[in-house]
Amino acid sequence: MSTLDCMKDYDGEVEWIFIENGCNELCYQFFQELDLERKVIVRQKNYGINEGLNQGWALSRGEFVMIHENDWEAVRRANFLQSAKEIFEEFPEVGVIQLRDPLDPHENHGSGKPLYNPWSCHEPILDRANIKVTKEKTKSGHSFLMSFFPNGFNNNPVIIRKELYRACGPYPEAEVGCDPRHGETEYQARVAELGCATAYIGIPVYWHMGRVQTHAL
């Protein structure tokens, strides 16, 4: 619902694709009751998040796609979709826009690590890793951060260009007996090989609500 609140200020078209992997009737009913103009609900057995996301990608028709798992909450209402569209249109080198708060207090394994979360790092750390973060601004005046680093893509709330996904191909299916999330790291490598920039939206929007708080605010 927090994401729906953020979308209320966006004037463009939005397509909603819900992947219900757990055969949960309450979740399915919730999705059914949402009054959205362009909505698709996919139901399947849980073959892993990668397989579910592949179905969502195949159904999507937009130029840009937001990946949003169900244990993320927008802790600040912001019209981030409008800002993201401006970034993509004005900065063609950007392929991925991250929406997660870099200082999210809930289980941030990349905090302070320039290869994963340069937005949380001070300049001496970035210099040692040979990673540069630049401050940019759209024509409308929205400020954001941009950087080239190898692990900019992940399944946290991000928006990516559809053309980037087409270049990388579908996610790998999880191997038998492994974590059903297996494959995210491989996909990061595919995205990194293309050399696109990653942007941080500049607004601390999303927190991960699936874990306990790990450090003080």
N, C-alpha and C. Protein backbone atom coordinates (compact mmCIF):
# COMPACT_ATOMS: atom_id res chain seq x y z
N MET A 1 0.82 -1.20 0.00
CA MET A 1 0.00 0.00 0.00
C MET A 1 0.87 1.26 0.00
N SER A 2 2.05 1.19 0.61
CA SER A 2 2.92 2.37 0.63
C SER A 2 3.37 2.74 -0.77
N THR A 3 3.58 1.74 -1.64
CA THR A 3 3.95 2.02 -3.02
C THR A 3 2.79 2.66 -3.77
N LEU A 4 1.58 2.18 -3.52
CA LEU A 4 0.40 2.79 -4.14
C LEU A 4 0.28 4.26 -3.76
N ASP A 5 0.58 4.57 -2.50
CA ASP A 5 0.53 5.96 -2.06
C ASP A 5 1.52 6.83 -2.84
N CYS A 6 2.71 6.28 -3.09
CA CYS A 6 3.72 7.04 -3.84
C CYS A 6 3.28 7.28 -5.27
N MET A 7 2.50 6.37 -5.83
CA MET A 7 2.09 6.49 -7.23
C MET A 7 0.94 7.47 -7.43
N LYS A 8 0.31 7.90 -6.37
CA LYS A 8 -0.85 8.78 -6.50
C LYS A 8 -0.51 10.13 -7.14
N ASP A 9 0.74 10.55 -7.00
CA ASP A 9 1.15 11.85 -7.55
C ASP A 9 1.75 11.74 -8.95
N TYR A 10 1.83 10.52 -9.48
CA TYR A 10 2.44 10.33 -10.79
C TYR A 10 1.37 10.43 -11.88
N ASP A 11 1.64 11.23 -12.91
CA ASP A 11 0.65 11.48 -13.96
C ASP A 11 0.74 10.50 -15.13
N GLY A 12 1.83 9.75 -15.22
CA GLY A 12 2.00 8.84 -16.36
C GLY A 12 1.26 7.53 -16.18
N GLU A 13 1.41 6.66 -17.18
CA GLU A 13 0.77 5.35 -17.13
C GLU A 13 1.60 4.39 -16.29
N VAL A 14 0.91 3.57 -15.51
CA VAL A 14 1.57 2.55 -14.68
C VAL A 14 0.88 1.22 -14.92
N GLU A 15 1.67 0.19 -15.12
CA GLU A 15 1.16 -1.16 -15.29
C GLU A 15 1.57 -1.98 -14.07
N TRP A 16 0.63 -2.68 -13.47
CA TRP A 16 0.88 -3.45 -12.25
C TRP A 16 0.85 -4.94 -12.57
N ILE A 17 1.92 -5.65 -12.20
CA ILE A 17 1.97 -7.11 -12.38
C ILE A 17 2.30 -7.72 -11.03
N PHE A 18 1.38 -8.51 -10.50
CA PHE A 18 1.55 -9.15 -9.21
C PHE A 18 1.84 -10.64 -9.41
N ILE A 19 2.94 -11.09 -8.82
CA ILE A 19 3.32 -12.51 -8.89
C ILE A 19 3.00 -13.15 -7.55
N GLU A 20 2.02 -14.03 -7.52
CA GLU A 20 1.61 -14.69 -6.27
C GLU A 20 2.17 -16.11 -6.30
N ASN A 21 3.37 -16.28 -5.72
CA ASN A 21 4.08 -17.55 -5.78
C ASN A 21 3.68 -18.55 -4.72
N GLY A 22 3.07 -18.07 -3.63
CA GLY A 22 2.88 -18.94 -2.47
C GLY A 22 1.55 -19.64 -2.38
N CYS A 23 0.70 -19.53 -3.42
CA CYS A 23 -0.65 -20.13 -3.38
C CYS A 23 -1.40 -19.68 -2.13
N ASN A 24 -1.27 -18.41 -1.80
CA ASN A 24 -1.90 -17.84 -0.61
C ASN A 24 -3.19 -17.14 -1.02
N GLU A 25 -4.31 -17.63 -0.52
CA GLU A 25 -5.60 -17.08 -0.93
C GLU A 25 -5.80 -15.65 -0.45
N LEU A 26 -5.27 -15.32 0.74
CA LEU A 26 -5.44 -13.96 1.26
C LEU A 26 -4.69 -12.95 0.39
N CYS A 27 -3.47 -13.31 -0.03
CA CYS A 27 -2.70 -12.43 -0.92
C CYS A 27 -3.42 -12.27 -2.25
N TYR A 28 -3.91 -13.39 -2.78
CA TYR A 28 -4.60 -13.34 -4.06
C TYR A 28 -5.84 -12.46 -3.98
N GLN A 29 -6.60 -12.59 -2.89
CA GLN A 29 -7.79 -11.77 -2.72
C GLN A 29 -7.43 -10.29 -2.60
N PHE A 30 -6.33 -10.01 -1.90
CA PHE A 30 -5.87 -8.62 -1.77
C PHE A 30 -5.56 -8.03 -3.14
N PHE A 31 -4.83 -8.77 -3.95
CA PHE A 31 -4.50 -8.29 -5.30
C PHE A 31 -5.76 -8.09 -6.13
N GLN A 32 -6.71 -9.02 -6.00
CA GLN A 32 -7.95 -8.93 -6.77
C GLN A 32 -8.73 -7.67 -6.43
N GLU A 33 -8.69 -7.26 -5.17
CA GLU A 33 -9.51 -6.14 -4.73
C GLU A 33 -8.89 -4.78 -5.01
N LEU A 34 -7.64 -4.76 -5.41
CA LEU A 34 -7.00 -3.47 -5.72
C LEU A 34 -7.63 -2.87 -6.97
N ASP A 35 -8.08 -1.65 -6.86
CA ASP A 35 -8.74 -0.96 -7.97
C ASP A 35 -7.69 -0.26 -8.83
N LEU A 36 -7.12 -1.00 -9.76
CA LEU A 36 -6.06 -0.49 -10.62
C LEU A 36 -6.45 -0.69 -12.08
N GLU A 37 -6.15 0.31 -12.91
CA GLU A 37 -6.62 0.27 -14.30
C GLU A 37 -5.94 -0.81 -15.11
N ARG A 38 -4.63 -0.95 -14.97
CA ARG A 38 -3.88 -1.93 -15.75
C ARG A 38 -3.22 -2.90 -14.78
N LYS A 39 -3.83 -4.07 -14.63
CA LYS A 39 -3.38 -5.00 -13.59
C LYS A 39 -3.39 -6.43 -14.13
N VAL A 40 -2.31 -7.17 -13.82
CA VAL A 40 -2.23 -8.59 -14.15
C VAL A 40 -1.81 -9.34 -12.89
N ILE A 41 -2.45 -10.46 -12.62
CA ILE A 41 -2.08 -11.30 -11.47
C ILE A 41 -1.64 -12.66 -12.00
N VAL A 42 -0.43 -13.07 -11.64
CA VAL A 42 0.10 -14.37 -12.04
C VAL A 42 0.11 -15.28 -10.82
N ARG A 43 -0.51 -16.44 -10.95
CA ARG A 43 -0.50 -17.42 -9.85
C ARG A 43 0.25 -18.67 -10.32
N GLN A 44 1.12 -19.17 -9.46
CA GLN A 44 1.86 -20.39 -9.79
C GLN A 44 2.40 -21.01 -8.52
N LYS A 45 2.85 -22.25 -8.61
CA LYS A 45 3.56 -22.85 -7.50
C LYS A 45 4.89 -22.13 -7.33
N ASN A 46 5.47 -22.21 -6.14
CA ASN A 46 6.69 -21.48 -5.86
C ASN A 46 7.90 -22.21 -6.45
N TYR A 47 8.27 -21.83 -7.67
CA TYR A 47 9.46 -22.37 -8.31
C TYR A 47 10.66 -21.45 -8.10
N GLY A 48 10.52 -20.51 -7.19
CA GLY A 48 11.61 -19.58 -6.92
C GLY A 48 11.32 -18.20 -7.44
N ILE A 49 11.90 -17.21 -6.78
CA ILE A 49 11.62 -15.82 -7.15
C ILE A 49 12.09 -15.49 -8.56
N ASN A 50 13.18 -16.12 -9.01
CA ASN A 50 13.67 -15.81 -10.35
C ASN A 50 12.67 -16.21 -11.42
N GLU A 51 12.05 -17.36 -11.26
CA GLU A 51 11.06 -17.80 -12.23
C GLU A 51 9.84 -16.88 -12.22
N GLY A 52 9.45 -16.45 -11.02
CA GLY A 52 8.33 -15.51 -10.92
C GLY A 52 8.64 -14.19 -11.60
N LEU A 53 9.84 -13.67 -11.38
CA LEU A 53 10.24 -12.41 -12.01
C LEU A 53 10.33 -12.54 -13.53
N ASN A 54 10.78 -13.70 -14.01
CA ASN A 54 10.82 -13.89 -15.46
C ASN A 54 9.43 -13.78 -16.07
N GLN A 55 8.43 -14.31 -15.37
CA GLN A 55 7.06 -14.21 -15.88
C GLN A 55 6.61 -12.75 -15.89
N GLY A 56 6.97 -12.02 -14.84
CA GLY A 56 6.60 -10.61 -14.79
C GLY A 56 7.23 -9.82 -15.91
N TRP A 57 8.52 -10.09 -16.17
CA TRP A 57 9.23 -9.41 -17.26
C TRP A 57 8.56 -9.72 -18.60
N ALA A 58 8.20 -10.99 -18.80
CA ALA A 58 7.61 -11.39 -20.08
C ALA A 58 6.28 -10.69 -20.34
N LEU A 59 5.54 -10.42 -19.28
CA LEU A 59 4.23 -9.79 -19.42
C LEU A 59 4.31 -8.26 -19.51
N SER A 60 5.38 -7.68 -19.01
CA SER A 60 5.46 -6.22 -18.92
C SER A 60 5.58 -5.60 -20.30
N ARG A 61 4.96 -4.42 -20.45
CA ARG A 61 4.97 -3.72 -21.74
C ARG A 61 5.63 -2.35 -21.65
N GLY A 62 6.03 -1.95 -20.46
CA GLY A 62 6.57 -0.61 -20.28
C GLY A 62 8.01 -0.47 -20.74
N GLU A 63 8.42 0.77 -20.88
CA GLU A 63 9.80 1.08 -21.27
C GLU A 63 10.76 0.90 -20.10
N PHE A 64 10.25 1.12 -18.88
CA PHE A 64 11.02 0.95 -17.66
C PHE A 64 10.23 0.03 -16.72
N VAL A 65 10.94 -0.77 -15.96
CA VAL A 65 10.29 -1.74 -15.07
C VAL A 65 10.83 -1.60 -13.66
N MET A 66 9.93 -1.56 -12.70
CA MET A 66 10.31 -1.53 -11.29
C MET A 66 10.15 -2.92 -10.70
N ILE A 67 11.19 -3.41 -10.04
CA ILE A 67 11.15 -4.68 -9.33
C ILE A 67 10.93 -4.40 -7.85
N HIS A 68 9.93 -5.01 -7.28
CA HIS A 68 9.55 -4.66 -5.91
C HIS A 68 9.06 -5.92 -5.20
N GLU A 69 9.85 -6.45 -4.29
CA GLU A 69 9.42 -7.60 -3.50
C GLU A 69 8.48 -7.13 -2.39
N ASN A 70 7.77 -8.10 -1.80
CA ASN A 70 6.68 -7.72 -0.90
C ASN A 70 7.12 -7.36 0.52
N ASP A 71 8.41 -7.47 0.83
CA ASP A 71 8.83 -7.13 2.19
C ASP A 71 9.60 -5.80 2.23
N TRP A 72 9.24 -4.92 1.31
CA TRP A 72 9.81 -3.57 1.27
C TRP A 72 8.71 -2.55 1.47
N GLU A 73 8.98 -1.53 2.25
CA GLU A 73 7.99 -0.49 2.52
C GLU A 73 8.55 0.89 2.17
N ALA A 74 7.74 1.67 1.49
CA ALA A 74 8.12 3.05 1.22
C ALA A 74 7.86 3.86 2.49
N VAL A 75 8.93 4.20 3.18
CA VAL A 75 8.79 4.89 4.46
C VAL A 75 8.62 6.40 4.27
N ARG A 76 8.75 6.86 3.04
CA ARG A 76 8.51 8.27 2.71
C ARG A 76 7.69 8.33 1.43
N ARG A 77 6.63 9.11 1.45
CA ARG A 77 5.84 9.27 0.24
C ARG A 77 6.56 10.24 -0.69
N ALA A 78 6.85 9.79 -1.89
CA ALA A 78 7.58 10.63 -2.85
C ALA A 78 7.19 10.20 -4.26
N ASN A 79 7.12 11.15 -5.16
CA ASN A 79 6.81 10.86 -6.56
C ASN A 79 8.10 10.44 -7.26
N PHE A 80 8.66 9.31 -6.81
CA PHE A 80 9.96 8.89 -7.32
C PHE A 80 9.89 8.43 -8.78
N LEU A 81 8.71 7.99 -9.21
CA LEU A 81 8.59 7.51 -10.59
C LEU A 81 8.81 8.63 -11.60
N GLN A 82 8.30 9.80 -11.29
CA GLN A 82 8.51 10.94 -12.18
C GLN A 82 9.98 11.32 -12.24
N SER A 83 10.63 11.32 -11.06
CA SER A 83 12.06 11.65 -11.03
C SER A 83 12.88 10.61 -11.78
N ALA A 84 12.52 9.32 -11.61
CA ALA A 84 13.25 8.26 -12.30
C ALA A 84 13.10 8.38 -13.81
N LYS A 85 11.92 8.69 -14.28
CA LYS A 85 11.70 8.86 -15.72
C LYS A 85 12.56 9.99 -16.27
N GLU A 86 12.66 11.08 -15.53
CA GLU A 86 13.50 12.20 -15.96
C GLU A 86 14.96 11.79 -16.03
N ILE A 87 15.42 11.03 -15.04
CA ILE A 87 16.82 10.58 -15.03
C ILE A 87 17.10 9.71 -16.25
N PHE A 88 16.23 8.76 -16.52
CA PHE A 88 16.44 7.88 -17.68
C PHE A 88 16.44 8.67 -18.99
N GLU A 89 15.54 9.62 -19.11
CA GLU A 89 15.43 10.37 -20.36
C GLU A 89 16.60 11.33 -20.57
N GLU A 90 17.13 11.89 -19.50
CA GLU A 90 18.18 12.89 -19.62
C GLU A 90 19.59 12.34 -19.46
N PHE A 91 19.71 11.13 -18.90
CA PHE A 91 21.03 10.52 -18.68
C PHE A 91 21.02 9.10 -19.27
N PRO A 92 21.25 8.98 -20.57
CA PRO A 92 21.16 7.67 -21.23
C PRO A 92 22.15 6.63 -20.73
N GLU A 93 23.21 7.05 -20.05
CA GLU A 93 24.18 6.09 -19.52
C GLU A 93 23.64 5.33 -18.31
N VAL A 94 22.58 5.84 -17.69
CA VAL A 94 21.99 5.18 -16.51
C VAL A 94 21.09 4.03 -16.94
N GLY A 95 21.38 2.84 -16.43
CA GLY A 95 20.56 1.67 -16.75
C GLY A 95 19.73 1.20 -15.58
N VAL A 96 20.17 1.51 -14.36
CA VAL A 96 19.50 1.06 -13.13
C VAL A 96 19.36 2.23 -12.17
N ILE A 97 18.19 2.38 -11.58
CA ILE A 97 17.98 3.39 -10.55
C ILE A 97 17.56 2.69 -9.27
N GLN A 98 18.35 2.88 -8.21
CA GLN A 98 18.06 2.27 -6.92
C GLN A 98 17.15 3.16 -6.09
N LEU A 99 16.20 2.53 -5.39
CA LEU A 99 15.23 3.26 -4.58
C LEU A 99 15.41 3.03 -3.09
N ARG A 100 16.30 2.14 -2.72
CA ARG A 100 16.49 1.83 -1.31
C ARG A 100 17.27 2.93 -0.60
N ASP A 101 16.87 3.23 0.62
CA ASP A 101 17.61 4.17 1.46
C ASP A 101 19.00 3.60 1.72
N PRO A 102 20.07 4.30 1.33
CA PRO A 102 21.42 3.78 1.56
C PRO A 102 21.74 3.53 3.02
N LEU A 103 21.03 4.22 3.91
CA LEU A 103 21.25 4.05 5.35
C LEU A 103 20.11 3.29 6.00
N ASP A 104 19.43 2.46 5.23
CA ASP A 104 18.36 1.61 5.75
C ASP A 104 18.87 0.82 6.97
N PRO A 105 18.22 0.97 8.12
CA PRO A 105 18.72 0.29 9.32
C PRO A 105 18.36 -1.19 9.38
N HIS A 106 17.67 -1.72 8.39
CA HIS A 106 17.24 -3.11 8.41
C HIS A 106 18.12 -3.96 7.49
N GLU A 107 19.06 -4.66 8.08
CA GLU A 107 19.86 -5.67 7.38
C GLU A 107 20.40 -5.16 6.04
N ASN A 108 21.33 -4.27 6.10
CA ASN A 108 21.96 -3.80 4.86
C ASN A 108 23.35 -4.39 4.75
N HIS A 109 23.45 -5.50 4.05
CA HIS A 109 24.73 -6.21 3.98
C HIS A 109 25.77 -5.43 3.19
N GLY A 110 25.33 -4.48 2.40
CA GLY A 110 26.28 -3.72 1.62
C GLY A 110 26.69 -2.40 2.23
N SER A 111 26.19 -2.10 3.42
CA SER A 111 26.49 -0.81 4.05
C SER A 111 27.99 -0.62 4.24
N GLY A 112 28.51 0.49 3.73
CA GLY A 112 29.93 0.78 3.87
C GLY A 112 30.82 0.06 2.88
N LYS A 113 30.22 -0.70 1.94
CA LYS A 113 31.00 -1.44 0.95
C LYS A 113 30.83 -0.78 -0.42
N PRO A 114 31.88 -0.20 -0.96
CA PRO A 114 31.76 0.58 -2.20
C PRO A 114 31.34 -0.23 -3.41
N LEU A 115 31.58 -1.54 -3.41
CA LEU A 115 31.21 -2.35 -4.56
C LEU A 115 29.72 -2.67 -4.58
N TYR A 116 29.05 -2.44 -3.45
CA TYR A 116 27.62 -2.74 -3.34
C TYR A 116 26.77 -1.51 -3.02
N ASN A 117 27.28 -0.65 -2.18
CA ASN A 117 26.50 0.51 -1.74
C ASN A 117 27.42 1.72 -1.61
N PRO A 118 27.90 2.25 -2.73
CA PRO A 118 28.82 3.39 -2.65
C PRO A 118 28.19 4.63 -2.03
N TRP A 119 26.84 4.70 -2.07
CA TRP A 119 26.13 5.86 -1.52
C TRP A 119 26.32 5.97 -0.01
N SER A 120 26.68 4.86 0.63
CA SER A 120 26.87 4.86 2.09
C SER A 120 28.33 5.06 2.48
N CYS A 121 29.22 5.28 1.51
CA CYS A 121 30.66 5.33 1.77
C CYS A 121 31.21 6.76 1.71
N HIS A 122 32.23 7.00 2.52
CA HIS A 122 32.94 8.28 2.49
C HIS A 122 33.99 8.26 1.38
N GLU A 123 34.47 9.42 1.00
CA GLU A 123 35.39 9.53 -0.13
C GLU A 123 36.66 8.68 -0.01
N PRO A 124 37.32 8.61 1.17
CA PRO A 124 38.52 7.76 1.25
C PRO A 124 38.26 6.30 0.89
N ILE A 125 37.10 5.77 1.27
CA ILE A 125 36.75 4.38 0.94
C ILE A 125 36.52 4.25 -0.55
N LEU A 126 35.82 5.22 -1.14
CA LEU A 126 35.56 5.19 -2.58
C LEU A 126 36.86 5.31 -3.37
N ASP A 127 37.77 6.16 -2.89
CA ASP A 127 39.05 6.34 -3.58
C ASP A 127 39.86 5.06 -3.59
N ARG A 128 39.88 4.35 -2.45
CA ARG A 128 40.64 3.10 -2.39
C ARG A 128 40.07 2.05 -3.33
N ALA A 129 38.75 2.08 -3.53
CA ALA A 129 38.10 1.12 -4.42
C ALA A 129 38.06 1.61 -5.86
N ASN A 130 38.59 2.81 -6.10
CA ASN A 130 38.60 3.41 -7.44
C ASN A 130 37.19 3.56 -8.00
N ILE A 131 36.28 3.98 -7.15
CA ILE A 131 34.88 4.20 -7.55
C ILE A 131 34.55 5.67 -7.33
N LYS A 132 33.93 6.27 -8.33
CA LYS A 132 33.57 7.68 -8.26
C LYS A 132 32.07 7.84 -8.21
N VAL A 133 31.60 8.66 -7.29
CA VAL A 133 30.18 9.01 -7.18
C VAL A 133 30.03 10.48 -7.54
N THR A 134 29.16 10.77 -8.48
CA THR A 134 28.94 12.16 -8.88
C THR A 134 27.54 12.62 -8.49
N LYS A 135 27.42 13.89 -8.19
CA LYS A 135 26.12 14.49 -7.90
C LYS A 135 25.58 15.10 -9.19
N GLU A 136 24.38 14.69 -9.56
CA GLU A 136 23.78 15.14 -10.80
C GLU A 136 22.42 15.80 -10.51
N LYS A 137 21.88 16.45 -11.53
CA LYS A 137 20.58 17.11 -11.36
C LYS A 137 19.83 17.09 -12.69
N THR A 138 18.53 16.80 -12.63
CA THR A 138 17.71 16.81 -13.84
C THR A 138 17.33 18.26 -14.17
N LYS A 139 16.77 18.45 -15.35
CA LYS A 139 16.39 19.79 -15.78
C LYS A 139 15.33 20.41 -14.86
N SER A 140 14.53 19.55 -14.23
CA SER A 140 13.49 20.06 -13.32
C SER A 140 14.05 20.40 -11.94
N GLY A 141 15.33 20.08 -11.71
CA GLY A 141 15.96 20.40 -10.44
C GLY A 141 16.07 19.26 -9.46
N HIS A 142 15.70 18.02 -9.88
CA HIS A 142 15.82 16.88 -8.96
C HIS A 142 17.27 16.43 -8.85
N SER A 143 17.80 16.37 -7.63
CA SER A 143 19.18 15.96 -7.38
C SER A 143 19.25 14.46 -7.12
N PHE A 144 20.29 13.82 -7.66
CA PHE A 144 20.49 12.39 -7.45
C PHE A 144 21.97 12.08 -7.56
N LEU A 145 22.35 10.83 -7.24
CA LEU A 145 23.74 10.40 -7.31
C LEU A 145 23.91 9.36 -8.42
N MET A 146 25.08 9.34 -9.03
CA MET A 146 25.34 8.41 -10.12
C MET A 146 26.74 7.83 -9.97
N SER A 147 26.89 6.56 -10.33
CA SER A 147 28.19 5.90 -10.21
C SER A 147 28.25 4.68 -11.12
N PHE A 148 29.47 4.32 -11.53
CA PHE A 148 29.72 3.06 -12.21
C PHE A 148 30.35 2.11 -11.20
N PHE A 149 29.63 1.06 -10.83
CA PHE A 149 30.18 0.06 -9.92
C PHE A 149 29.55 -1.29 -10.26
N PRO A 150 30.22 -2.41 -9.94
CA PRO A 150 29.83 -3.70 -10.50
C PRO A 150 28.54 -4.32 -9.99
N ASN A 151 28.05 -3.91 -8.84
CA ASN A 151 26.89 -4.58 -8.27
C ASN A 151 25.70 -3.64 -8.11
N GLY A 152 25.46 -2.83 -9.12
CA GLY A 152 24.37 -1.87 -9.04
C GLY A 152 23.00 -2.50 -9.15
N PHE A 153 22.91 -3.65 -9.82
CA PHE A 153 21.61 -4.31 -9.96
C PHE A 153 21.36 -5.27 -8.80
N ASN A 154 20.14 -5.33 -8.34
CA ASN A 154 19.70 -6.34 -7.36
C ASN A 154 18.18 -6.39 -7.39
N ASN A 155 17.62 -7.29 -6.59
CA ASN A 155 16.17 -7.44 -6.54
C ASN A 155 15.53 -6.57 -5.46
N ASN A 156 16.30 -5.65 -4.89
CA ASN A 156 15.70 -4.66 -4.00
C ASN A 156 14.87 -3.72 -4.88
N PRO A 157 14.12 -2.79 -4.31
CA PRO A 157 13.37 -1.90 -5.19
C PRO A 157 14.28 -1.11 -6.13
N VAL A 158 14.26 -1.48 -7.39
CA VAL A 158 15.02 -0.79 -8.43
C VAL A 158 14.13 -0.59 -9.65
N ILE A 159 14.49 0.38 -10.46
CA ILE A 159 13.85 0.58 -11.75
C ILE A 159 14.92 0.42 -12.81
N ILE A 160 14.68 -0.39 -13.81
CA ILE A 160 15.70 -0.59 -14.84
C ILE A 160 15.07 -0.43 -16.23
N ARG A 161 15.92 -0.13 -17.18
CA ARG A 161 15.47 0.00 -18.55
C ARG A 161 15.09 -1.37 -19.11
N LYS A 162 14.00 -1.43 -19.83
CA LYS A 162 13.60 -2.70 -20.44
C LYS A 162 14.65 -3.17 -21.44
N GLU A 163 15.29 -2.25 -22.14
CA GLU A 163 16.31 -2.62 -23.12
C GLU A 163 17.51 -3.28 -22.45
N LEU A 164 17.78 -2.92 -21.20
CA LEU A 164 18.87 -3.54 -20.46
C LEU A 164 18.54 -4.99 -20.15
N TYR A 165 17.29 -5.23 -19.75
CA TYR A 165 16.86 -6.61 -19.49
C TYR A 165 16.93 -7.45 -20.76
N ARG A 166 16.50 -6.86 -21.87
CA ARG A 166 16.55 -7.62 -23.13
C ARG A 166 17.99 -8.00 -23.49
N ALA A 167 18.93 -7.10 -23.18
CA ALA A 167 20.33 -7.39 -23.47
C ALA A 167 20.89 -8.48 -22.56
N CYS A 168 20.38 -8.55 -21.33
CA CYS A 168 20.89 -9.52 -20.35
C CYS A 168 20.17 -10.86 -20.41
N GLY A 169 18.92 -10.86 -20.88
CA GLY A 169 18.16 -12.10 -20.95
C GLY A 169 17.45 -12.43 -19.65
N PRO A 170 16.68 -13.52 -19.63
CA PRO A 170 15.93 -13.90 -18.42
C PRO A 170 16.83 -14.32 -17.28
N TYR A 171 16.29 -14.26 -16.08
CA TYR A 171 17.05 -14.70 -14.90
C TYR A 171 17.30 -16.21 -14.98
N PRO A 172 18.42 -16.67 -14.44
CA PRO A 172 18.65 -18.12 -14.39
C PRO A 172 17.73 -18.77 -13.37
N GLU A 173 17.21 -19.94 -13.70
CA GLU A 173 16.37 -20.66 -12.75
C GLU A 173 17.25 -21.24 -11.65
N ALA A 174 16.66 -21.35 -10.45
CA ALA A 174 17.41 -21.92 -9.33
C ALA A 174 17.70 -23.39 -9.57
N GLU A 175 18.91 -23.81 -9.23
CA GLU A 175 19.29 -25.21 -9.36
C GLU A 175 18.60 -26.04 -8.29
N VAL A 176 18.38 -27.31 -8.56
CA VAL A 176 17.71 -28.19 -7.61
C VAL A 176 18.51 -28.26 -6.31
N GLY A 177 17.84 -28.05 -5.18
CA GLY A 177 18.47 -28.17 -3.87
C GLY A 177 19.15 -26.92 -3.37
N CYS A 178 19.13 -25.84 -4.15
CA CYS A 178 19.79 -24.62 -3.70
C CYS A 178 18.76 -23.59 -3.25
N ASP A 179 19.24 -22.50 -2.72
CA ASP A 179 18.38 -21.39 -2.35
C ASP A 179 17.59 -20.95 -3.57
N PRO A 180 16.25 -20.84 -3.46
CA PRO A 180 15.45 -20.45 -4.62
C PRO A 180 15.75 -19.06 -5.15
N ARG A 181 16.51 -18.26 -4.36
CA ARG A 181 16.92 -16.93 -4.83
C ARG A 181 18.21 -17.01 -5.66
N HIS A 182 18.78 -18.19 -5.79
CA HIS A 182 20.05 -18.36 -6.48
C HIS A 182 19.99 -17.74 -7.87
N GLY A 183 21.00 -16.99 -8.25
CA GLY A 183 21.06 -16.42 -9.58
C GLY A 183 21.16 -14.92 -9.60
N GLU A 184 20.84 -14.24 -8.48
CA GLU A 184 20.89 -12.79 -8.46
C GLU A 184 22.32 -12.29 -8.69
N THR A 185 23.30 -12.95 -8.09
CA THR A 185 24.70 -12.54 -8.26
C THR A 185 25.14 -12.71 -9.71
N GLU A 186 24.74 -13.80 -10.33
CA GLU A 186 25.08 -14.01 -11.74
C GLU A 186 24.48 -12.90 -12.60
N TYR A 187 23.26 -12.49 -12.27
CA TYR A 187 22.62 -11.46 -13.08
C TYR A 187 23.29 -10.11 -12.87
N GLN A 188 23.79 -9.86 -11.67
CA GLN A 188 24.57 -8.64 -11.44
C GLN A 188 25.76 -8.60 -12.39
N ALA A 189 26.41 -9.74 -12.57
CA ALA A 189 27.57 -9.81 -13.46
C ALA A 189 27.17 -9.52 -14.90
N ARG A 190 26.01 -10.01 -15.31
CA ARG A 190 25.55 -9.75 -16.68
C ARG A 190 25.33 -8.25 -16.89
N VAL A 191 24.69 -7.61 -15.91
CA VAL A 191 24.44 -6.17 -16.01
C VAL A 191 25.76 -5.41 -16.01
N ALA A 192 26.68 -5.81 -15.13
CA ALA A 192 27.96 -5.11 -15.02
C ALA A 192 28.75 -5.17 -16.32
N GLU A 193 28.66 -6.28 -17.03
CA GLU A 193 29.40 -6.43 -18.29
C GLU A 193 28.98 -5.40 -19.34
N LEU A 194 27.77 -4.89 -19.22
CA LEU A 194 27.29 -3.92 -20.19
C LEU A 194 27.80 -2.51 -19.89
N GLY A 195 28.34 -2.31 -18.67
CA GLY A 195 29.00 -1.05 -18.35
C GLY A 195 28.09 0.14 -18.12
N CYS A 196 26.83 -0.09 -17.79
CA CYS A 196 25.93 1.04 -17.57
C CYS A 196 26.14 1.65 -16.19
N ALA A 197 25.70 2.87 -16.04
CA ALA A 197 25.78 3.54 -14.74
C ALA A 197 24.57 3.18 -13.90
N THR A 198 24.74 3.28 -12.58
CA THR A 198 23.65 3.11 -11.63
C THR A 198 23.41 4.43 -10.93
N ALA A 199 22.15 4.77 -10.75
CA ALA A 199 21.80 6.00 -10.05
C ALA A 199 21.08 5.68 -8.75
N TYR A 200 21.32 6.48 -7.74
CA TYR A 200 20.50 6.44 -6.52
C TYR A 200 19.51 7.59 -6.64
N ILE A 201 18.25 7.32 -6.47
CA ILE A 201 17.19 8.28 -6.75
C ILE A 201 17.35 9.60 -5.99
N GLY A 202 18.11 9.57 -4.88
CA GLY A 202 18.33 10.80 -4.11
C GLY A 202 17.30 11.04 -3.02
N ILE A 203 16.33 10.12 -2.93
CA ILE A 203 15.30 10.20 -1.88
C ILE A 203 15.35 8.88 -1.11
N PRO A 204 15.52 8.90 0.21
CA PRO A 204 15.56 7.64 0.97
C PRO A 204 14.16 7.04 1.09
N VAL A 205 13.74 6.32 0.04
CA VAL A 205 12.34 5.87 -0.04
C VAL A 205 12.09 4.56 0.71
N TYR A 206 12.78 3.47 0.31
CA TYR A 206 12.39 2.13 0.78
C TYR A 206 13.28 1.59 1.90
N TRP A 207 12.64 0.91 2.84
CA TRP A 207 13.33 0.12 3.87
C TRP A 207 12.93 -1.33 3.74
N HIS A 208 13.86 -2.21 4.08
CA HIS A 208 13.61 -3.65 4.07
C HIS A 208 12.95 -4.04 5.40
N MET A 209 11.70 -4.47 5.33
CA MET A 209 10.96 -4.81 6.56
C MET A 209 11.01 -6.30 6.87
N GLY A 210 11.78 -7.06 6.12
CA GLY A 210 11.83 -8.50 6.34
C GLY A 210 12.84 -8.92 7.38
N ARG A 211 13.62 -7.99 7.92
CA ARG A 211 14.64 -8.33 8.90
C ARG A 211 14.57 -7.36 10.08
N VAL A 212 15.28 -7.68 11.15
CA VAL A 212 15.28 -6.81 12.33
C VAL A 212 16.26 -5.67 12.12
N GLN A 213 16.09 -4.62 12.89
CA GLN A 213 17.01 -3.48 12.81
C GLN A 213 18.38 -3.89 13.29
N THR A 214 19.41 -3.47 12.53
CA THR A 214 20.77 -3.90 12.87
C THR A 214 21.66 -2.78 13.36
N HIS A 215 21.25 -1.53 13.19
CA HIS A 215 22.04 -0.45 13.78
C HIS A 215 21.12 0.74 14.03
N ALA A 216 21.57 1.63 14.88
CA ALA A 216 20.73 2.75 15.30
C ALA A 216 20.55 3.74 14.17
N LEU A 217 19.43 4.44 14.17
CA LEU A 217 19.17 5.47 13.18
C LEU A 217 20.03 6.70 13.45
